[in-house]
Amino acid sequence: MAECVGYARLFAFIFGLFGLLFIVIATPTHHWFTFQSKANFLTYGGIWENCKQYANGVYSCLPLPTTDWLNCVKAFLIISIILYLMVVLYLIVLVWGRGLAIRFIGIDLLLAAMFALIAMSVYTAKYKMQPGYNYGWSYTLGWLGTVFTAISGICCFFADVDYEPM
């Protein structure tokens, strides 16, 4: 049993680390969608701005107009990152030897995953993909971060099992 708990803690750490990394990278970047035009320019954008890059390497970016659904996506991703910061603070307290349960980290991670899931779902439902447009790597990282965060939260519940060594 002790070996299973050790693996659960390891998986919770690894998936949590990559989940945090992916969500933090996806939120500010502007490669949520891409479009390669036949007129020799690349259009890409995210939740903050849209950019256009020409064949000569020159690019320009403009802020997106404010919409309710886009503000919702931004807010829920930021809340998810704040919940991750709470996990980091909780882990610092655990290092100091306080007798705190790992299941609270699991609850926090599941909440972070839920908020990221809401953000990613709203973006997927509301962003109207035009013909020729594709989802970009930022969008993919957002979804991977959401899934990894949920897996990490679930692993925390298995890592919090009390066991007695044989």
Protein backbone atom coordinates (compact mmCIF):
# COMPACT_ATOMS: atom_id res chain seq x y z
CA MET A 1 0.00 0.00 0.00
CA ALA A 2 2.85 2.35 0.82
CA GLU A 3 4.25 1.92 -2.68
CA CYS A 4 0.89 2.87 -4.25
CA VAL A 5 0.69 5.99 -2.10
CA GLY A 6 4.22 6.93 -3.18
CA TYR A 7 3.31 6.54 -6.86
CA ALA A 8 0.11 8.55 -6.36
CA ARG A 9 2.13 11.39 -4.82
CA LEU A 10 4.66 11.22 -7.66
CA PHE A 11 1.92 11.28 -10.32
CA ALA A 12 0.12 14.11 -8.52
CA PHE A 13 3.34 16.14 -8.52
CA ILE A 14 4.23 15.45 -12.17
CA PHE A 15 0.73 16.03 -13.56
CA GLY A 16 0.27 19.09 -11.32
CA LEU A 17 3.57 20.59 -12.45
CA PHE A 18 2.77 20.12 -16.14
CA GLY A 19 -0.84 21.25 -15.64
CA LEU A 20 0.34 24.49 -14.05
CA LEU A 21 2.99 25.02 -16.72
CA PHE A 22 0.53 24.44 -19.57
CA ILE A 23 -2.20 26.71 -18.17
CA VAL A 24 0.28 29.48 -17.35
CA ILE A 25 1.74 29.30 -20.88
CA ALA A 26 -1.65 29.08 -22.63
CA THR A 27 -3.27 32.04 -20.87
CA PRO A 28 -1.13 34.96 -22.12
CA THR A 29 -0.04 33.56 -25.48
CA HIS A 30 -1.82 34.38 -28.72
CA HIS A 31 -1.79 31.13 -30.66
CA TRP A 32 -5.26 29.90 -29.75
CA PHE A 33 -6.12 29.90 -33.45
CA THR A 34 -4.16 30.22 -36.67
CA PHE A 35 -5.01 31.01 -40.27
CA GLN A 36 -2.62 30.83 -43.22
CA SER A 37 -3.85 33.10 -45.97
CA LYS A 38 -3.19 32.69 -49.66
CA ALA A 39 -2.23 36.38 -49.68
CA ASN A 40 1.06 35.55 -47.93
CA PHE A 41 0.26 36.36 -44.33
CA LEU A 42 -0.43 34.37 -41.18
CA THR A 43 -3.19 35.39 -38.80
CA TYR A 44 -3.16 34.11 -35.23
CA GLY A 45 -4.73 35.18 -32.00
CA GLY A 46 -5.62 34.36 -28.46
CA ILE A 47 -7.82 35.65 -25.71
CA TRP A 48 -6.01 39.00 -25.45
CA GLU A 49 -5.13 40.06 -29.01
CA ASN A 50 -5.08 39.08 -32.68
CA CYS A 51 -1.92 39.27 -34.74
CA LYS A 52 -1.01 39.26 -38.41
CA GLN A 53 2.44 38.24 -39.64
CA TYR A 54 3.51 38.98 -43.20
CA ALA A 55 5.93 36.99 -45.38
CA ASN A 56 8.72 39.52 -44.74
CA GLY A 57 8.53 38.80 -40.98
CA VAL A 58 6.78 42.02 -39.99
CA TYR A 59 3.83 41.51 -37.69
CA SER A 60 1.24 43.62 -35.95
CA CYS A 61 -1.05 42.81 -33.04
CA LEU A 62 -4.27 44.51 -32.00
CA PRO A 63 -6.25 44.04 -28.78
CA LEU A 64 -9.46 42.07 -29.13
CA PRO A 65 -12.76 43.86 -28.65
CA THR A 66 -14.23 43.15 -25.25
CA THR A 67 -17.01 40.58 -25.17
CA ASP A 68 -18.71 38.96 -22.20
CA TRP A 69 -17.71 35.44 -23.18
CA LEU A 70 -14.06 36.43 -23.73
CA ASN A 71 -13.96 38.14 -20.34
CA CYS A 72 -15.41 34.94 -18.86
CA VAL A 73 -12.61 32.87 -20.43
CA LYS A 74 -9.95 35.26 -19.12
CA ALA A 75 -11.45 35.39 -15.63
CA PHE A 76 -11.80 31.63 -15.23
CA LEU A 77 -8.25 30.96 -16.44
CA ILE A 78 -6.90 33.58 -14.03
CA ILE A 79 -8.91 32.06 -11.16
CA SER A 80 -7.46 28.67 -12.07
CA ILE A 81 -3.93 30.08 -11.88
CA ILE A 82 -4.70 31.74 -8.51
CA LEU A 83 -5.92 28.39 -7.17
CA TYR A 84 -2.63 26.88 -8.33
CA LEU A 85 -0.76 29.58 -6.41
CA MET A 86 -2.74 28.56 -3.33
CA VAL A 87 -1.49 24.99 -3.88
CA VAL A 88 2.09 26.26 -3.99
CA LEU A 89 1.57 28.16 -0.70
CA TYR A 90 0.00 25.08 0.85
CA LEU A 91 2.97 22.98 -0.24
CA ILE A 92 5.34 25.48 1.39
CA VAL A 93 3.40 25.05 4.64
CA LEU A 94 3.64 21.26 4.26
CA VAL A 95 7.43 21.51 3.91
CA TRP A 96 7.58 23.24 7.28
CA GLY A 97 6.14 20.07 8.78
CA ARG A 98 2.58 21.09 9.56
CA GLY A 99 0.26 18.11 9.78
CA LEU A 100 -1.95 19.17 6.88
CA ALA A 101 -3.78 16.75 4.63
CA ILE A 102 -2.91 16.36 0.95
CA ARG A 103 -6.61 15.99 0.15
CA PHE A 104 -6.97 19.78 0.51
CA ILE A 105 -4.45 20.15 -2.32
CA GLY A 106 -6.56 17.69 -4.31
CA ILE A 107 -9.71 19.74 -3.70
CA ASP A 108 -7.90 22.92 -4.74
CA LEU A 109 -6.54 21.24 -7.89
CA LEU A 110 -9.98 19.90 -8.82
CA LEU A 111 -11.41 23.40 -8.40
CA ALA A 112 -8.61 24.79 -10.59
CA ALA A 113 -9.40 22.12 -13.19
CA MET A 114 -13.10 22.96 -13.03
CA PHE A 115 -12.46 26.67 -13.63
CA ALA A 116 -10.05 25.90 -16.48
CA LEU A 117 -12.64 23.50 -17.94
CA ILE A 118 -15.28 26.22 -17.86
CA ALA A 119 -12.89 28.66 -19.58
CA MET A 120 -11.87 26.20 -22.28
CA SER A 121 -15.47 25.09 -22.88
CA VAL A 122 -16.73 28.66 -23.22
CA TYR A 123 -13.95 29.46 -25.70
CA THR A 124 -14.69 26.31 -27.70
CA ALA A 125 -18.43 27.00 -27.77
CA LYS A 126 -18.31 30.74 -28.47
CA TYR A 127 -15.35 31.20 -30.80
CA LYS A 128 -16.63 30.87 -34.34
CA MET A 129 -13.99 29.10 -36.42
CA GLN A 130 -13.98 30.40 -39.98
CA PRO A 131 -13.13 28.05 -42.87
CA GLY A 132 -9.37 27.60 -43.04
CA TYR A 133 -8.83 28.51 -39.38
CA ASN A 134 -7.31 25.94 -37.01
CA TYR A 135 -6.89 25.76 -33.27
CA GLY A 136 -3.32 26.58 -32.28
CA TRP A 137 -0.85 25.28 -29.76
CA SER A 138 -2.00 27.63 -26.97
CA TYR A 139 -5.50 26.17 -27.20
CA THR A 140 -4.07 22.65 -27.06
CA LEU A 141 -1.94 23.52 -24.03
CA GLY A 142 -5.03 24.96 -22.31
CA TRP A 143 -6.89 21.68 -22.71
CA LEU A 144 -3.87 19.58 -21.71
CA GLY A 145 -3.37 21.75 -18.63
CA THR A 146 -7.01 21.26 -17.69
CA VAL A 147 -6.82 17.46 -18.00
CA PHE A 148 -3.45 17.23 -16.20
CA THR A 149 -4.77 19.40 -13.36
CA ALA A 150 -7.80 17.12 -12.92
CA ILE A 151 -5.58 14.00 -12.95
CA SER A 152 -3.29 15.61 -10.38
CA GLY A 153 -6.23 16.45 -8.12
CA ILE A 154 -7.54 12.88 -8.31
CA CYS A 155 -4.07 11.49 -7.55
CA CYS A 156 -3.95 13.64 -4.40
CA PHE A 157 -6.92 11.72 -3.00
CA PHE A 158 -5.06 8.43 -3.49
CA ALA A 159 -1.90 9.96 -2.03
CA ASP A 160 -3.66 10.96 1.20
CA VAL A 161 -4.39 7.41 2.31
CA ASP A 162 -3.10 6.59 5.79
CA TYR A 163 -1.11 3.39 5.85
CA GLU A 164 0.88 1.43 8.35
CA PRO A 165 4.21 0.03 7.28
CA MET A 166 4.50 -3.75 7.58
